[in-house]
Amino acid sequence: MTDVILVNGVTPEKLTETILNGIKNQLNELKKNFTPKQPEDFLTRMETAKLLKISLTTVHEWVNTKILKAYKVGNRTYFSRKEIENTLFSSNK
């Protein structure tokens, strides 16, 4: 028999398995609680129209009627993908 040290009647293989299971459980808990935040994604007018499958005229009308919120940077107009998704999901209520 080889030299085996038992810690409270536990074999090295069982001890290794127990430690690995504990680490896996801790990592799963960390994944649940610390998911990385997604960066804010901004779309152009054309990308917004393609995403919603509407015309550029409709995008313009929705901005004027406050359905969509536009962000202006110089002469360019951008829309937040997150806000568009929230608007779509909240419109069903």
Protein backbone atom coordinates (compact mmCIF):
# COMPACT_ATOMS: atom_id res chain seq x y z
CA MET A 1 0.00 0.00 0.00
CA THR A 2 1.30 3.45 -0.88
CA ASP A 3 1.61 6.20 1.69
CA VAL A 4 -1.85 7.73 1.91
CA ILE A 5 -2.72 10.37 4.46
CA LEU A 6 -6.34 10.34 5.55
CA VAL A 7 -7.84 13.53 6.90
CA ASN A 8 -10.80 12.61 9.06
CA GLY A 9 -11.25 9.41 7.07
CA VAL A 10 -11.28 11.17 3.67
CA THR A 11 -9.15 9.96 0.78
CA PRO A 12 -7.18 12.48 -1.28
CA GLU A 13 -9.47 11.86 -4.27
CA LYS A 14 -12.59 12.55 -2.20
CA LEU A 15 -10.98 15.68 -0.72
CA THR A 16 -10.08 16.93 -4.21
CA GLU A 17 -13.61 16.26 -5.43
CA THR A 18 -15.12 18.09 -2.45
CA ILE A 19 -12.87 21.13 -2.98
CA LEU A 20 -13.64 21.27 -6.71
CA ASN A 21 -17.39 21.05 -6.07
CA GLY A 22 -17.13 23.87 -3.53
CA ILE A 23 -15.24 26.05 -6.02
CA LYS A 24 -17.78 25.32 -8.77
CA ASN A 25 -20.64 26.30 -6.47
CA GLN A 26 -18.91 29.57 -5.51
CA LEU A 27 -18.23 30.42 -9.16
CA ASN A 28 -21.87 29.78 -10.09
CA GLU A 29 -22.99 32.13 -7.28
CA LEU A 30 -20.59 34.81 -8.53
CA LYS A 31 -21.92 34.44 -12.07
CA LYS A 32 -25.47 35.02 -10.86
CA ASN A 33 -24.63 38.11 -8.80
CA PHE A 34 -21.94 39.77 -10.87
CA THR A 35 -22.94 39.67 -14.51
CA PRO A 36 -21.05 42.33 -16.46
CA LYS A 37 -23.04 45.29 -17.65
CA GLN A 38 -23.48 45.58 -21.37
CA PRO A 39 -22.23 48.82 -22.88
CA GLU A 40 -24.88 51.21 -24.14
CA ASP A 41 -25.50 50.54 -27.82
CA PHE A 42 -26.60 53.47 -29.98
CA LEU A 43 -28.16 53.10 -33.40
CA THR A 44 -28.39 55.52 -36.31
CA ARG A 45 -31.73 56.47 -37.86
CA MET A 46 -31.21 53.92 -40.64
CA GLU A 47 -30.26 51.13 -38.21
CA THR A 48 -33.28 51.97 -36.05
CA ALA A 49 -35.59 51.84 -39.08
CA LYS A 50 -34.16 48.47 -40.12
CA LEU A 51 -34.43 47.09 -36.58
CA LEU A 52 -38.07 48.13 -36.25
CA LYS A 53 -38.82 47.40 -39.94
CA ILE A 54 -40.28 50.86 -40.47
CA SER A 55 -39.49 53.75 -42.81
CA LEU A 56 -37.30 56.73 -41.97
CA THR A 57 -40.42 58.89 -42.12
CA THR A 58 -42.03 56.77 -39.42
CA VAL A 59 -38.88 57.05 -37.28
CA HIS A 60 -39.11 60.84 -37.63
CA GLU A 61 -42.82 60.82 -36.70
CA TRP A 62 -42.17 58.61 -33.66
CA VAL A 63 -39.51 61.03 -32.46
CA ASN A 64 -41.94 63.96 -32.85
CA THR A 65 -44.70 62.10 -30.96
CA LYS A 66 -42.20 61.09 -28.23
CA ILE A 67 -42.51 57.36 -28.90
CA LEU A 68 -38.76 57.23 -29.47
CA LYS A 69 -36.18 59.39 -27.75
CA ALA A 70 -33.47 60.75 -30.06
CA TYR A 71 -29.97 61.76 -29.00
CA LYS A 72 -28.33 64.46 -31.11
CA VAL A 73 -24.58 64.72 -31.56
CA GLY A 74 -23.87 67.56 -33.97
CA ASN A 75 -25.86 66.81 -37.13
CA ARG A 76 -26.23 63.13 -36.27
CA THR A 77 -29.16 61.45 -34.55
CA TYR A 78 -28.82 58.30 -32.47
CA PHE A 79 -31.23 56.04 -30.61
CA SER A 80 -30.56 53.83 -27.61
CA ARG A 81 -31.14 50.15 -28.41
CA LYS A 82 -32.03 49.52 -24.75
CA GLU A 83 -34.67 52.27 -24.77
CA ILE A 84 -36.12 50.97 -28.04
CA GLU A 85 -36.45 47.47 -26.57
CA ASN A 86 -38.01 48.85 -23.38
CA THR A 87 -40.51 50.86 -25.45
CA LEU A 88 -41.45 47.77 -27.46
CA PHE A 89 -41.93 45.60 -24.39
CA SER A 90 -43.85 48.23 -22.43
CA SER A 91 -46.22 48.98 -25.32
CA ASN A 92 -47.89 45.57 -24.83
CA LYS A 93 -49.17 46.46 -21.38
